[in-house]
Amino acid sequence: MLVLADQECLEDAQMNLIRKFVAGGGAVVATESTSLYNNWRERRRDVGLHDLLGVSAPPFHTIGKGEYFPGNAPLRRQAGAGRVVYIPEVQPAIEKPLGARMTNQYWRLPLNSREIVDAVRWAAGNISIEVTGPNTVVAAPMRPGTTKLLLHLLNYDVARTPSVTNLDVKFRLPKNAAVSKVTLLSPDRAGAAVLPHQVKDGKANLTVPTLATYDLAVIELK
């Protein structure tokens, strides 16, 4: 999946690569002024990827007023073998004045965060990893080879929440793969824990009982 978060400046060669990616079955989620400018930040007459995103450029506004696209709901399109979602606006929880520093008072989920998540899910078709837990827990999957999968879990709010309990994890397995063992490692505690797991609909389901700062789940394949 490719996410173009208000990626204003794209050159023609880059846009052609994006079209090729989608035609081959790739998924793209783009927001706001994506591809409205070239790589010299010269405004195009129309959105460069209008054929892919299904949206046309709004009337030109003077510098500093921004570009505002009509409509509020994400636009979903099947494009060849791939899927494309265009989101006209990411609605900030706290509006940042033009020129103000991006300090942590503005680090809030956008008002339409659920809409954005749903759009990403639709575009992807089949999410590789799902973790049920607080928004301050970050999960990063990795596949270092053919014999194992890794899942990094990090609690960014450890100062206020020293531990998070019962994180439910669903990890999509490679085709025809089975799980032999799931091991949980952490610098926060001694030794390794073997986690019980179930496999259903091509996904390994497991529960991480307690996350302090950092855990690494190792899913061994057979």
C-alpha atoms as a PDB file:
ATOM      1  CA  MET A   1       0.000   0.000   0.000  1.00  0.00           C
ATOM      2  CA  LEU A   2       1.117   3.535  -0.815  1.00  0.00           C
ATOM      3  CA  VAL A   3      -0.100   6.474   1.301  1.00  0.00           C
ATOM      4  CA  LEU A   4       0.247   9.938  -0.239  1.00  0.00           C
ATOM      5  CA  ALA A   5      -0.454  12.252   2.679  1.00  0.00           C
ATOM      6  CA  ASP A   6      -1.009  15.630   0.996  1.00  0.00           C
ATOM      7  CA  GLN A   7       1.918  14.835  -1.317  1.00  0.00           C
ATOM      8  CA  GLU A   8       1.577  18.066  -3.271  1.00  0.00           C
ATOM      9  CA  CYS A   9       4.679  17.808  -5.441  1.00  0.00           C
ATOM     10  CA  LEU A  10       5.038  14.869  -7.819  1.00  0.00           C
ATOM     11  CA  GLU A  11       6.815  14.758 -11.144  1.00  0.00           C
ATOM     12  CA  ASP A  12       5.432  12.987 -14.199  1.00  0.00           C
ATOM     13  CA  ALA A  13       7.746   9.981 -13.890  1.00  0.00           C
ATOM     14  CA  GLN A  14       6.659   9.429 -10.288  1.00  0.00           C
ATOM     15  CA  MET A  15       2.979   9.613 -11.220  1.00  0.00           C
ATOM     16  CA  ASN A  16       3.491   7.062 -13.983  1.00  0.00           C
ATOM     17  CA  LEU A  17       5.075   4.698 -11.464  1.00  0.00           C
ATOM     18  CA  ILE A  18       2.048   5.167  -9.182  1.00  0.00           C
ATOM     19  CA  ARG A  19      -0.324   4.375 -12.073  1.00  0.00           C
ATOM     20  CA  LYS A  20       1.680   1.253 -12.880  1.00  0.00           C
ATOM     21  CA  PHE A  21       1.609   0.209  -9.209  1.00  0.00           C
ATOM     22  CA  VAL A  22      -2.191   0.490  -9.053  1.00  0.00           C
ATOM     23  CA  ALA A  23      -2.692  -1.238 -12.419  1.00  0.00           C
ATOM     24  CA  GLY A  24      -0.730  -4.183 -11.038  1.00  0.00           C
ATOM     25  CA  GLY A  25      -3.048  -4.507  -8.040  1.00  0.00           C
ATOM     26  CA  GLY A  26      -1.539  -1.965  -5.630  1.00  0.00           C
ATOM     27  CA  ALA A  27      -3.539   0.186  -3.221  1.00  0.00           C
ATOM     28  CA  VAL A  28      -3.199   3.971  -2.885  1.00  0.00           C
ATOM     29  CA  VAL A  29      -4.660   6.343  -0.291  1.00  0.00           C
ATOM     30  CA  ALA A  30      -4.167  10.024  -1.168  1.00  0.00           C
ATOM     31  CA  THR A  31      -5.264  13.149   0.662  1.00  0.00           C
ATOM     32  CA  GLU A  32      -5.922  16.792  -0.098  1.00  0.00           C
ATOM     33  CA  SER A  33      -3.562  18.444  -2.645  1.00  0.00           C
ATOM     34  CA  THR A  34      -1.710  15.312  -3.728  1.00  0.00           C
ATOM     35  CA  SER A  35      -0.147  15.793  -7.205  1.00  0.00           C
ATOM     36  CA  LEU A  36      -1.540  19.314  -7.672  1.00  0.00           C
ATOM     37  CA  TYR A  37       2.022  20.650  -8.100  1.00  0.00           C
ATOM     38  CA  ASN A  38       5.055  19.483 -10.053  1.00  0.00           C
ATOM     39  CA  ASN A  39       8.495  18.857  -8.543  1.00  0.00           C
ATOM     40  CA  TRP A  40       9.316  22.598  -8.847  1.00  0.00           C
ATOM     41  CA  ARG A  41       6.126  23.347  -6.876  1.00  0.00           C
ATOM     42  CA  GLU A  42       4.457  24.911  -9.879  1.00  0.00           C
ATOM     43  CA  ARG A  43       0.694  24.487  -9.696  1.00  0.00           C
ATOM     44  CA  ARG A  44      -0.781  22.344 -12.420  1.00  0.00           C
ATOM     45  CA  ARG A  45      -3.977  23.289 -14.238  1.00  0.00           C
ATOM     46  CA  ASP A  46      -5.493  20.094 -12.860  1.00  0.00           C
ATOM     47  CA  VAL A  47      -4.608  17.396 -10.353  1.00  0.00           C
ATOM     48  CA  GLY A  48      -1.796  15.372 -11.903  1.00  0.00           C
ATOM     49  CA  LEU A  49      -3.385  12.087 -10.856  1.00  0.00           C
ATOM     50  CA  HIS A  50      -6.958  13.161 -11.635  1.00  0.00           C
ATOM     51  CA  ASP A  51      -7.436  10.050 -13.780  1.00  0.00           C
ATOM     52  CA  LEU A  52      -6.537   7.850 -10.818  1.00  0.00           C
ATOM     53  CA  LEU A  53      -8.024   9.819  -7.919  1.00  0.00           C
ATOM     54  CA  GLY A  54     -11.214  10.832  -9.714  1.00  0.00           C
ATOM     55  CA  VAL A  55     -10.995  14.444  -8.547  1.00  0.00           C
ATOM     56  CA  SER A  56     -10.333  17.746 -10.324  1.00  0.00           C
ATOM     57  CA  ALA A  57      -8.483  20.798  -9.065  1.00  0.00           C
ATOM     58  CA  PRO A  58     -10.416  23.465  -7.132  1.00  0.00           C
ATOM     59  CA  PRO A  59     -10.308  27.137  -8.140  1.00  0.00           C
ATOM     60  CA  PHE A  60      -6.927  28.724  -7.459  1.00  0.00           C
ATOM     61  CA  HIS A  61      -6.490  30.554  -4.149  1.00  0.00           C
ATOM     62  CA  THR A  62      -3.777  33.080  -3.377  1.00  0.00           C
ATOM     63  CA  ILE A  63      -0.750  31.872  -1.459  1.00  0.00           C
ATOM     64  CA  GLY A  64      -1.478  31.278   2.205  1.00  0.00           C
ATOM     65  CA  LYS A  65      -5.149  30.390   1.844  1.00  0.00           C
ATOM     66  CA  GLY A  66      -4.543  26.767   0.919  1.00  0.00           C
ATOM     67  CA  GLU A  67      -6.305  24.542  -1.576  1.00  0.00           C
ATOM     68  CA  TYR A  68      -9.768  23.324  -0.605  1.00  0.00           C
ATOM     69  CA  PHE A  69     -11.348  20.424  -2.420  1.00  0.00           C
ATOM     70  CA  PRO A  70     -15.137  20.099  -2.511  1.00  0.00           C
ATOM     71  CA  GLY A  71     -16.836  17.251  -0.679  1.00  0.00           C
ATOM     72  CA  ASN A  72     -16.170  15.669   2.678  1.00  0.00           C
ATOM     73  CA  ALA A  73     -16.490  11.918   2.235  1.00  0.00           C
ATOM     74  CA  PRO A  74     -13.585   9.824   0.916  1.00  0.00           C
ATOM     75  CA  LEU A  75     -13.882   8.817  -2.734  1.00  0.00           C
ATOM     76  CA  ARG A  76     -13.285   5.095  -3.284  1.00  0.00           C
ATOM     77  CA  ARG A  77     -12.468   3.729  -6.718  1.00  0.00           C
ATOM     78  CA  GLN A  78     -11.535   0.407  -8.228  1.00  0.00           C
ATOM     79  CA  ALA A  79      -8.775   1.196 -10.717  1.00  0.00           C
ATOM     80  CA  GLY A  80      -7.762  -1.745 -12.855  1.00  0.00           C
ATOM     81  CA  ALA A  81      -6.597  -4.486 -10.509  1.00  0.00           C
ATOM     82  CA  GLY A  82      -5.965  -1.996  -7.692  1.00  0.00           C
ATOM     83  CA  ARG A  83      -7.902   0.231  -5.334  1.00  0.00           C
ATOM     84  CA  VAL A  84      -7.665   3.985  -4.782  1.00  0.00           C
ATOM     85  CA  VAL A  85      -9.096   6.193  -2.037  1.00  0.00           C
ATOM     86  CA  TYR A  86      -9.005   9.986  -2.150  1.00  0.00           C
ATOM     87  CA  ILE A  87      -9.660  11.905   1.100  1.00  0.00           C
ATOM     88  CA  PRO A  88     -10.446  15.611   0.462  1.00  0.00           C
ATOM     89  CA  GLU A  89      -9.517  16.817   3.937  1.00  0.00           C
ATOM     90  CA  VAL A  90      -7.775  15.618   7.086  1.00  0.00           C
ATOM     91  CA  GLN A  91      -9.699  17.556   9.728  1.00  0.00           C
ATOM     92  CA  PRO A  92      -7.383  18.660  12.577  1.00  0.00           C
ATOM     93  CA  ALA A  93      -8.624  18.344  16.147  1.00  0.00           C
ATOM     94  CA  ILE A  94      -6.881  21.670  16.883  1.00  0.00           C
ATOM     95  CA  GLU A  95      -6.313  24.073  14.020  1.00  0.00           C
ATOM     96  CA  LYS A  96      -2.664  25.139  13.775  1.00  0.00           C
ATOM     97  CA  PRO A  97      -2.167  28.785  12.751  1.00  0.00           C
ATOM     98  CA  LEU A  98      -0.182  29.299   9.574  1.00  0.00           C
ATOM     99  CA  GLY A  99       3.523  29.509  10.409  1.00  0.00           C
ATOM    100  CA  ALA A 100       3.145  28.184  13.952  1.00  0.00           C
ATOM    101  CA  ARG A 101       5.503  25.465  15.143  1.00  0.00           C
ATOM    102  CA  MET A 102       4.157  21.886  15.107  1.00  0.00           C
ATOM    103  CA  THR A 103       4.360  21.434  18.895  1.00  0.00           C
ATOM    104  CA  ASN A 104       2.742  18.602  20.828  1.00  0.00           C
ATOM    105  CA  GLN A 105      -0.447  20.555  21.538  1.00  0.00           C
ATOM    106  CA  TYR A 106      -1.393  19.762  17.925  1.00  0.00           C
ATOM    107  CA  TRP A 107      -0.542  16.039  18.177  1.00  0.00           C
ATOM    108  CA  ARG A 108      -4.123  14.848  18.230  1.00  0.00           C
ATOM    109  CA  LEU A 109      -6.059  12.374  16.137  1.00  0.00           C
ATOM    110  CA  PRO A 110      -7.921  14.200  13.365  1.00  0.00           C
ATOM    111  CA  LEU A 111     -11.664  14.558  13.750  1.00  0.00           C
ATOM    112  CA  ASN A 112     -12.225  12.183  10.826  1.00  0.00           C
ATOM    113  CA  SER A 113      -9.662   9.603  11.992  1.00  0.00           C
ATOM    114  CA  ARG A 114     -12.193   6.756  11.922  1.00  0.00           C
ATOM    115  CA  GLU A 115     -13.118   7.644   8.359  1.00  0.00           C
ATOM    116  CA  ILE A 116      -9.435   7.587   7.398  1.00  0.00           C
ATOM    117  CA  VAL A 117      -8.866   4.194   9.047  1.00  0.00           C
ATOM    118  CA  ASP A 118     -11.891   2.738   7.256  1.00  0.00           C
ATOM    119  CA  ALA A 119     -10.595   4.094   3.949  1.00  0.00           C
ATOM    120  CA  VAL A 120      -7.195   2.463   4.496  1.00  0.00           C
ATOM    121  CA  ARG A 121      -8.850  -0.840   5.379  1.00  0.00           C
ATOM    122  CA  TRP A 122     -10.941  -0.774   2.225  1.00  0.00           C
ATOM    123  CA  ALA A 123      -7.989   0.092   0.005  1.00  0.00           C
ATOM    124  CA  ALA A 124      -5.756  -2.593   1.495  1.00  0.00           C
ATOM    125  CA  GLY A 125      -8.432  -5.260   1.189  1.00  0.00           C
ATOM    126  CA  ASN A 126      -6.703  -7.511   3.686  1.00  0.00           C
ATOM    127  CA  ILE A 127      -4.790  -5.932   6.581  1.00  0.00           C
ATOM    128  CA  SER A 128      -1.675  -7.881   7.586  1.00  0.00           C
ATOM    129  CA  ILE A 129      -1.780  -7.016  11.295  1.00  0.00           C
ATOM    130  CA  GLU A 130      -4.530  -5.949  13.686  1.00  0.00           C
ATOM    131  CA  VAL A 131      -3.866  -5.040  17.326  1.00  0.00           C
ATOM    132  CA  THR A 132      -6.692  -4.190  19.714  1.00  0.00           C
ATOM    133  CA  GLY A 133      -5.379  -1.763  22.330  1.00  0.00           C
ATOM    134  CA  PRO A 134      -4.839   1.920  23.199  1.00  0.00           C
ATOM    135  CA  ASN A 135      -3.879   4.367  20.451  1.00  0.00           C
ATOM    136  CA  THR A 136      -0.588   4.952  22.269  1.00  0.00           C
ATOM    137  CA  VAL A 137       0.568   1.395  21.484  1.00  0.00           C
ATOM    138  CA  VAL A 138       2.398   1.092  18.166  1.00  0.00           C
ATOM    139  CA  ALA A 139       2.743  -2.237  16.344  1.00  0.00           C
ATOM    140  CA  ALA A 140       5.297  -2.823  13.584  1.00  0.00           C
ATOM    141  CA  PRO A 141       5.349  -6.186  11.752  1.00  0.00           C
ATOM    142  CA  MET A 142       8.425  -7.545   9.997  1.00  0.00           C
ATOM    143  CA  ARG A 143       9.200 -10.617   7.913  1.00  0.00           C
ATOM    144  CA  PRO A 144      12.973 -11.201   8.096  1.00  0.00           C
ATOM    145  CA  GLY A 145      12.835 -14.460   6.120  1.00  0.00           C
ATOM    146  CA  THR A 146      10.662 -17.449   5.316  1.00  0.00           C
ATOM    147  CA  THR A 147      10.751 -19.129   8.725  1.00  0.00           C
ATOM    148  CA  LYS A 148       9.439 -16.444  11.066  1.00  0.00           C
ATOM    149  CA  LEU A 149       7.402 -13.291  11.501  1.00  0.00           C
ATOM    150  CA  LEU A 150       8.214 -10.531  13.978  1.00  0.00           C
ATOM    151  CA  LEU A 151       5.919  -8.086  15.717  1.00  0.00           C
ATOM    152  CA  HIS A 152       7.390  -5.099  17.581  1.00  0.00           C
ATOM    153  CA  LEU A 153       5.102  -3.556  20.221  1.00  0.00           C
ATOM    154  CA  LEU A 154       5.933  -0.216  21.832  1.00  0.00           C
ATOM    155  CA  ASN A 155       4.014   1.596  24.575  1.00  0.00           C
ATOM    156  CA  TYR A 156       4.538   5.311  23.945  1.00  0.00           C
ATOM    157  CA  ASP A 157       2.546   6.296  27.033  1.00  0.00           C
ATOM    158  CA  VAL A 158       4.575   4.280  29.552  1.00  0.00           C
ATOM    159  CA  ALA A 159       5.065   7.320  31.825  1.00  0.00           C
ATOM    160  CA  ARG A 160       1.311   7.559  32.483  1.00  0.00           C
ATOM    161  CA  THR A 161       0.390   3.944  31.712  1.00  0.00           C
ATOM    162  CA  PRO A 162       3.214   1.713  33.030  1.00  0.00           C
ATOM    163  CA  SER A 163       1.595  -1.413  31.571  1.00  0.00           C
ATOM    164  CA  VAL A 164      -1.051  -2.332  29.026  1.00  0.00           C
ATOM    165  CA  THR A 165      -2.837  -5.642  29.419  1.00  0.00           C
ATOM    166  CA  ASN A 166      -4.466  -8.153  27.084  1.00  0.00           C
ATOM    167  CA  LEU A 167      -3.485  -6.885  23.662  1.00  0.00           C
ATOM    168  CA  ASP A 168      -5.335  -9.017  21.109  1.00  0.00           C
ATOM    169  CA  VAL A 169      -3.280  -9.594  17.954  1.00  0.00           C
ATOM    170  CA  LYS A 170      -4.309 -10.950  14.554  1.00  0.00           C
ATOM    171  CA  PHE A 171      -1.388 -11.552  12.200  1.00  0.00           C
ATOM    172  CA  ARG A 172      -2.033 -12.588   8.586  1.00  0.00           C
ATOM    173  CA  LEU A 173       0.136 -15.569   7.682  1.00  0.00           C
ATOM    174  CA  PRO A 174       1.895 -16.213   4.373  1.00  0.00           C
ATOM    175  CA  LYS A 175      -0.017 -18.507   2.038  1.00  0.00           C
ATOM    176  CA  ASN A 176      -0.014 -22.162   3.159  1.00  0.00           C
ATOM    177  CA  ALA A 177       2.051 -21.328   6.274  1.00  0.00           C
ATOM    178  CA  ALA A 178       1.427 -22.851   9.709  1.00  0.00           C
ATOM    179  CA  VAL A 179       2.618 -21.682  13.127  1.00  0.00           C
ATOM    180  CA  SER A 180       4.857 -23.887  15.252  1.00  0.00           C
ATOM    181  CA  LYS A 181       5.429 -21.514  18.196  1.00  0.00           C
ATOM    182  CA  VAL A 182       4.954 -17.932  19.367  1.00  0.00           C
ATOM    183  CA  THR A 183       7.581 -16.511  21.738  1.00  0.00           C
ATOM    184  CA  LEU A 184       7.397 -13.181  23.557  1.00  0.00           C
ATOM    185  CA  LEU A 185      10.663 -11.377  24.362  1.00  0.00           C
ATOM    186  CA  SER A 186      11.185  -8.159  26.296  1.00  0.00           C
ATOM    187  CA  PRO A 187      13.983  -6.202  27.991  1.00  0.00           C
ATOM    188  CA  ASP A 188      11.405  -5.400  30.698  1.00  0.00           C
ATOM    189  CA  ARG A 189      11.485  -8.918  32.130  1.00  0.00           C
ATOM    190  CA  ALA A 190      13.754 -11.935  32.339  1.00  0.00           C
ATOM    191  CA  GLY A 191      13.319 -14.965  30.126  1.00  0.00           C
ATOM    192  CA  ALA A 192      10.994 -15.663  27.214  1.00  0.00           C
ATOM    193  CA  ALA A 193       7.311 -16.555  27.371  1.00  0.00           C
ATOM    194  CA  VAL A 194       5.614 -18.982  25.001  1.00  0.00           C
ATOM    195  CA  LEU A 195       2.194 -17.630  24.039  1.00  0.00           C
ATOM    196  CA  PRO A 196      -0.792 -19.814  23.171  1.00  0.00           C
ATOM    197  CA  HIS A 197      -2.203 -19.124  19.722  1.00  0.00           C
ATOM    198  CA  GLN A 198      -4.922 -20.137  17.310  1.00  0.00           C
ATOM    199  CA  VAL A 199      -4.975 -20.034  13.524  1.00  0.00           C
ATOM    200  CA  LYS A 200      -8.231 -19.098  11.812  1.00  0.00           C
ATOM    201  CA  ASP A 201      -8.945 -17.861   8.285  1.00  0.00           C
ATOM    202  CA  GLY A 202      -5.240 -17.601   7.529  1.00  0.00           C
ATOM    203  CA  LYS A 203      -4.477 -15.462  10.593  1.00  0.00           C
ATOM    204  CA  ALA A 204      -2.593 -16.254  13.789  1.00  0.00           C
ATOM    205  CA  ASN A 205      -4.620 -15.055  16.794  1.00  0.00           C
ATOM    206  CA  LEU A 206      -2.831 -14.448  20.090  1.00  0.00           C
ATOM    207  CA  THR A 207      -2.983 -12.280  23.203  1.00  0.00           C
ATOM    208  CA  VAL A 208      -0.054 -10.391  24.701  1.00  0.00           C
ATOM    209  CA  PRO A 209      -0.858 -10.482  28.450  1.00  0.00           C
ATOM    210  CA  THR A 210       1.192  -7.448  29.544  1.00  0.00           C
ATOM    211  CA  LEU A 211       3.162  -4.784  27.687  1.00  0.00           C
ATOM    212  CA  ALA A 212       5.357  -2.445  29.717  1.00  0.00           C
ATOM    213  CA  THR A 213       7.623  -0.473  27.337  1.00  0.00           C
ATOM    214  CA  TYR A 214       8.610  -2.894  24.581  1.00  0.00           C
ATOM    215  CA  ASP A 215       7.811  -6.464  23.534  1.00  0.00           C
ATOM    216  CA  LEU A 216       8.870  -8.555  20.558  1.00  0.00           C
ATOM    217  CA  ALA A 217       6.609 -11.400  19.461  1.00  0.00           C
ATOM    218  CA  VAL A 218       8.396 -14.035  17.370  1.00  0.00           C
ATOM    219  CA  ILE A 219       6.060 -16.205  15.290  1.00  0.00           C
ATOM    220  CA  GLU A 220       7.902 -19.290  14.074  1.00  0.00           C
ATOM    221  CA  LEU A 221       6.522 -20.839  10.879  1.00  0.00           C
ATOM    222  CA  LYS A 222       6.518 -24.386   9.615  1.00  0.00           C
END
